[in-house]
Amino acid sequence: MSVHIKKRERVIKNGRNRKRRPKTFDSEEKAKVWAQSNIKSGFEIVTLRQATESKKAKVRVIPV
């Protein structure tokens, strides 16, 4: 078998072992509603990108 096929089989079988990334939203209200229902302890809302003409806003919820 080629190296590419062996590597693909290994990734499918074992996964990529990547850490989960923090959840992001396109508005602060949506982020707040999700955080209140899913995070029992405190949380912090961080603005990653402000809304401009070409791109939407991006907000991240970080558990404290």
C-alpha atoms as a PDB file:
ATOM      1  CA  MET A   1       0.000   0.000   0.000  1.00  0.00           C
ATOM      2  CA  SER A   2       1.062   3.548  -0.566  1.00  0.00           C
ATOM      3  CA  VAL A   3       2.010   5.804   2.314  1.00  0.00           C
ATOM      4  CA  HIS A   4      -1.017   8.019   1.653  1.00  0.00           C
ATOM      5  CA  ILE A   5      -3.464   5.125   2.050  1.00  0.00           C
ATOM      6  CA  LYS A   6      -1.771   3.900   5.243  1.00  0.00           C
ATOM      7  CA  LYS A   7      -1.888   7.381   6.771  1.00  0.00           C
ATOM      8  CA  ARG A   8      -5.562   7.783   5.813  1.00  0.00           C
ATOM      9  CA  GLU A   9      -6.441   4.448   7.446  1.00  0.00           C
ATOM     10  CA  ARG A  10      -4.581   5.455  10.613  1.00  0.00           C
ATOM     11  CA  VAL A  11      -6.404   8.805  10.813  1.00  0.00           C
ATOM     12  CA  ILE A  12      -9.820   7.203  10.279  1.00  0.00           C
ATOM     13  CA  LYS A  13      -9.130   4.521  12.898  1.00  0.00           C
ATOM     14  CA  ASN A  14      -7.507   6.680  15.599  1.00  0.00           C
ATOM     15  CA  GLY A  15      -8.808  10.201  14.956  1.00  0.00           C
ATOM     16  CA  ARG A  16      -6.721  13.353  14.874  1.00  0.00           C
ATOM     17  CA  ASN A  17      -6.297  13.938  18.629  1.00  0.00           C
ATOM     18  CA  ARG A  18      -7.212  17.614  18.304  1.00  0.00           C
ATOM     19  CA  LYS A  19      -8.509  19.700  21.194  1.00  0.00           C
ATOM     20  CA  ARG A  20     -12.070  21.027  20.930  1.00  0.00           C
ATOM     21  CA  ARG A  21     -12.173  24.662  19.938  1.00  0.00           C
ATOM     22  CA  PRO A  22     -14.260  27.244  21.816  1.00  0.00           C
ATOM     23  CA  LYS A  23     -17.749  27.819  20.404  1.00  0.00           C
ATOM     24  CA  THR A  24     -18.263  31.009  18.379  1.00  0.00           C
ATOM     25  CA  PHE A  25     -21.411  32.954  17.462  1.00  0.00           C
ATOM     26  CA  ASP A  26     -22.368  35.816  15.177  1.00  0.00           C
ATOM     27  CA  SER A  27     -24.099  37.892  17.876  1.00  0.00           C
ATOM     28  CA  GLU A  28     -23.665  38.560  21.584  1.00  0.00           C
ATOM     29  CA  GLU A  29     -27.304  37.735  22.339  1.00  0.00           C
ATOM     30  CA  LYS A  30     -27.029  34.234  20.841  1.00  0.00           C
ATOM     31  CA  ALA A  31     -23.796  33.631  22.734  1.00  0.00           C
ATOM     32  CA  LYS A  32     -25.336  34.724  26.028  1.00  0.00           C
ATOM     33  CA  VAL A  33     -28.413  32.485  25.590  1.00  0.00           C
ATOM     34  CA  TRP A  34     -26.269  29.452  24.734  1.00  0.00           C
ATOM     35  CA  ALA A  35     -23.858  30.055  27.612  1.00  0.00           C
ATOM     36  CA  GLN A  36     -26.633  30.431  30.185  1.00  0.00           C
ATOM     37  CA  SER A  37     -28.187  27.112  29.164  1.00  0.00           C
ATOM     38  CA  ASN A  38     -24.963  25.087  28.687  1.00  0.00           C
ATOM     39  CA  ILE A  39     -22.358  26.450  31.120  1.00  0.00           C
ATOM     40  CA  LYS A  40     -23.212  26.021  34.783  1.00  0.00           C
ATOM     41  CA  SER A  41     -20.330  28.068  36.224  1.00  0.00           C
ATOM     42  CA  GLY A  42     -19.340  31.553  35.092  1.00  0.00           C
ATOM     43  CA  PHE A  43     -18.527  32.501  31.515  1.00  0.00           C
ATOM     44  CA  GLU A  44     -16.934  35.361  29.629  1.00  0.00           C
ATOM     45  CA  ILE A  45     -17.944  36.689  26.203  1.00  0.00           C
ATOM     46  CA  VAL A  46     -15.069  37.904  24.039  1.00  0.00           C
ATOM     47  CA  THR A  47     -15.535  39.855  20.795  1.00  0.00           C
ATOM     48  CA  LEU A  48     -13.152  38.518  18.159  1.00  0.00           C
ATOM     49  CA  ARG A  49     -14.330  40.600  15.216  1.00  0.00           C
ATOM     50  CA  GLN A  50     -16.657  43.583  14.875  1.00  0.00           C
ATOM     51  CA  ALA A  51     -19.309  43.528  12.155  1.00  0.00           C
ATOM     52  CA  THR A  52     -18.238  45.326   8.982  1.00  0.00           C
ATOM     53  CA  GLU A  53     -19.764  45.600   5.533  1.00  0.00           C
ATOM     54  CA  SER A  54     -18.144  42.438   4.205  1.00  0.00           C
ATOM     55  CA  LYS A  55     -17.945  40.244   7.322  1.00  0.00           C
ATOM     56  CA  LYS A  56     -20.202  39.278  10.192  1.00  0.00           C
ATOM     57  CA  ALA A  57     -19.307  39.793  13.823  1.00  0.00           C
ATOM     58  CA  LYS A  58     -17.658  36.907  15.685  1.00  0.00           C
ATOM     59  CA  VAL A  59     -18.122  36.344  19.423  1.00  0.00           C
ATOM     60  CA  ARG A  60     -16.587  33.576  21.544  1.00  0.00           C
ATOM     61  CA  VAL A  61     -17.831  32.119  24.843  1.00  0.00           C
ATOM     62  CA  ILE A  62     -15.078  31.161  27.298  1.00  0.00           C
ATOM     63  CA  PRO A  63     -15.907  29.312  30.555  1.00  0.00           C
ATOM     64  CA  VAL A  64     -14.313  30.917  33.616  1.00  0.00           C
END
